[in-house]
Amino acid sequence: MDTEPIPWTVETVIRACGGVSVVAGALNLTDSAVLKMKRIGIQDRHWPTLIALSGNQFEPNDLFRANQRARSAQAA
């Protein structure tokens, strides 16, 4: 049975990378800055670090789509 992969969201990306505190430490940001990403998206300069931190569970295109979802939810 073929199943469609679940689309990545900023929240699932953060979870796959170890959680808010781990991401904040890896990016040298505060926890609140990482939490803000759920609303505004992840800046593309952070993508390589997050991809590596996740063990390559996602690709740049997945992060692009996750950002689109976050930003469209914010605009609604």
C-alpha atoms as a PDB file:
ATOM      1  CA  MET A   1       0.000   0.000   0.000  1.00  0.00           C
ATOM      2  CA  ASP A   2       1.472   3.349  -1.071  1.00  0.00           C
ATOM      3  CA  THR A   3       1.014   6.148   1.387  1.00  0.00           C
ATOM      4  CA  GLU A   4       1.591   9.833   0.798  1.00  0.00           C
ATOM      5  CA  PRO A   5       4.281  11.237   3.116  1.00  0.00           C
ATOM      6  CA  ILE A   6       3.003  13.603   5.760  1.00  0.00           C
ATOM      7  CA  PRO A   7       3.902  17.164   4.775  1.00  0.00           C
ATOM      8  CA  TRP A   8       6.499  18.840   6.941  1.00  0.00           C
ATOM      9  CA  THR A   9       5.477  21.814   9.053  1.00  0.00           C
ATOM     10  CA  VAL A  10       7.778  24.140  10.942  1.00  0.00           C
ATOM     11  CA  GLU A  11       6.634  22.423  14.135  1.00  0.00           C
ATOM     12  CA  THR A  12       7.465  18.922  12.875  1.00  0.00           C
ATOM     13  CA  VAL A  13      10.824  20.172  11.564  1.00  0.00           C
ATOM     14  CA  ILE A  14      11.680  21.536  15.021  1.00  0.00           C
ATOM     15  CA  ARG A  15      10.608  18.248  16.624  1.00  0.00           C
ATOM     16  CA  ALA A  16      12.692  16.219  14.151  1.00  0.00           C
ATOM     17  CA  CYS A  17      15.712  18.331  15.091  1.00  0.00           C
ATOM     18  CA  GLY A  18      15.362  17.565  18.794  1.00  0.00           C
ATOM     19  CA  GLY A  19      12.947  20.227  19.986  1.00  0.00           C
ATOM     20  CA  VAL A  20      12.929  23.941  20.648  1.00  0.00           C
ATOM     21  CA  SER A  21      15.874  24.049  23.051  1.00  0.00           C
ATOM     22  CA  VAL A  22      18.121  21.918  20.832  1.00  0.00           C
ATOM     23  CA  VAL A  23      17.306  24.028  17.769  1.00  0.00           C
ATOM     24  CA  ALA A  24      17.834  27.246  19.728  1.00  0.00           C
ATOM     25  CA  GLY A  25      21.248  26.052  20.898  1.00  0.00           C
ATOM     26  CA  ALA A  26      22.314  24.895  17.443  1.00  0.00           C
ATOM     27  CA  LEU A  27      21.277  28.188  15.846  1.00  0.00           C
ATOM     28  CA  ASN A  28      22.471  30.380  18.727  1.00  0.00           C
ATOM     29  CA  LEU A  29      18.936  31.736  19.220  1.00  0.00           C
ATOM     30  CA  THR A  30      16.554  32.006  22.144  1.00  0.00           C
ATOM     31  CA  ASP A  31      13.753  29.514  22.639  1.00  0.00           C
ATOM     32  CA  SER A  32      11.245  32.293  21.926  1.00  0.00           C
ATOM     33  CA  ALA A  33      12.927  33.044  18.582  1.00  0.00           C
ATOM     34  CA  VAL A  34      12.554  29.383  17.598  1.00  0.00           C
ATOM     35  CA  LEU A  35       8.915  29.374  18.719  1.00  0.00           C
ATOM     36  CA  LYS A  36       8.333  32.471  16.575  1.00  0.00           C
ATOM     37  CA  MET A  37       9.438  30.444  13.541  1.00  0.00           C
ATOM     38  CA  LYS A  38       6.186  28.488  13.807  1.00  0.00           C
ATOM     39  CA  ARG A  39       4.395  31.680  12.763  1.00  0.00           C
ATOM     40  CA  ILE A  40       6.861  33.342  10.392  1.00  0.00           C
ATOM     41  CA  GLY A  41       8.860  30.431   8.987  1.00  0.00           C
ATOM     42  CA  ILE A  42      12.500  29.414   9.177  1.00  0.00           C
ATOM     43  CA  GLN A  43      15.060  31.731   7.617  1.00  0.00           C
ATOM     44  CA  ASP A  44      16.842  29.975   4.790  1.00  0.00           C
ATOM     45  CA  ARG A  45      20.267  30.641   6.316  1.00  0.00           C
ATOM     46  CA  HIS A  46      19.292  28.137   9.057  1.00  0.00           C
ATOM     47  CA  TRP A  47      18.231  25.377   6.684  1.00  0.00           C
ATOM     48  CA  PRO A  48      21.617  23.594   6.329  1.00  0.00           C
ATOM     49  CA  THR A  49      22.018  23.387  10.113  1.00  0.00           C
ATOM     50  CA  LEU A  50      18.502  22.038  10.592  1.00  0.00           C
ATOM     51  CA  ILE A  51      18.845  19.498   7.799  1.00  0.00           C
ATOM     52  CA  ALA A  52      22.068  18.218   9.372  1.00  0.00           C
ATOM     53  CA  LEU A  53      20.594  18.290  12.871  1.00  0.00           C
ATOM     54  CA  SER A  54      17.668  16.147  11.710  1.00  0.00           C
ATOM     55  CA  GLY A  55      19.934  13.559  10.120  1.00  0.00           C
ATOM     56  CA  ASN A  56      18.739  14.587   6.638  1.00  0.00           C
ATOM     57  CA  GLN A  57      15.109  13.684   7.328  1.00  0.00           C
ATOM     58  CA  PHE A  58      13.974  16.509   5.037  1.00  0.00           C
ATOM     59  CA  GLU A  59      15.272  18.589   2.143  1.00  0.00           C
ATOM     60  CA  PRO A  60      15.261  22.295   1.267  1.00  0.00           C
ATOM     61  CA  ASN A  61      12.017  21.859  -0.691  1.00  0.00           C
ATOM     62  CA  ASP A  62      10.353  20.478   2.440  1.00  0.00           C
ATOM     63  CA  LEU A  63      11.475  23.529   4.414  1.00  0.00           C
ATOM     64  CA  PHE A  64      10.247  25.849   1.680  1.00  0.00           C
ATOM     65  CA  ARG A  65       6.796  24.237   1.818  1.00  0.00           C
ATOM     66  CA  ALA A  66       6.785  24.292   5.633  1.00  0.00           C
ATOM     67  CA  ASN A  67       7.501  28.025   5.486  1.00  0.00           C
ATOM     68  CA  GLN A  68       4.683  28.540   2.997  1.00  0.00           C
ATOM     69  CA  ARG A  69       2.275  26.739   5.341  1.00  0.00           C
ATOM     70  CA  ALA A  70       3.404  28.816   8.346  1.00  0.00           C
ATOM     71  CA  ARG A  71       3.129  32.093   6.473  1.00  0.00           C
ATOM     72  CA  SER A  72      -0.248  31.323   4.916  1.00  0.00           C
ATOM     73  CA  ALA A  73      -1.630  30.364   8.346  1.00  0.00           C
ATOM     74  CA  GLN A  74      -0.267  33.633   9.741  1.00  0.00           C
ATOM     75  CA  ALA A  75      -1.961  35.626   6.947  1.00  0.00           C
ATOM     76  CA  ALA A  76      -5.325  33.942   7.513  1.00  0.00           C
END
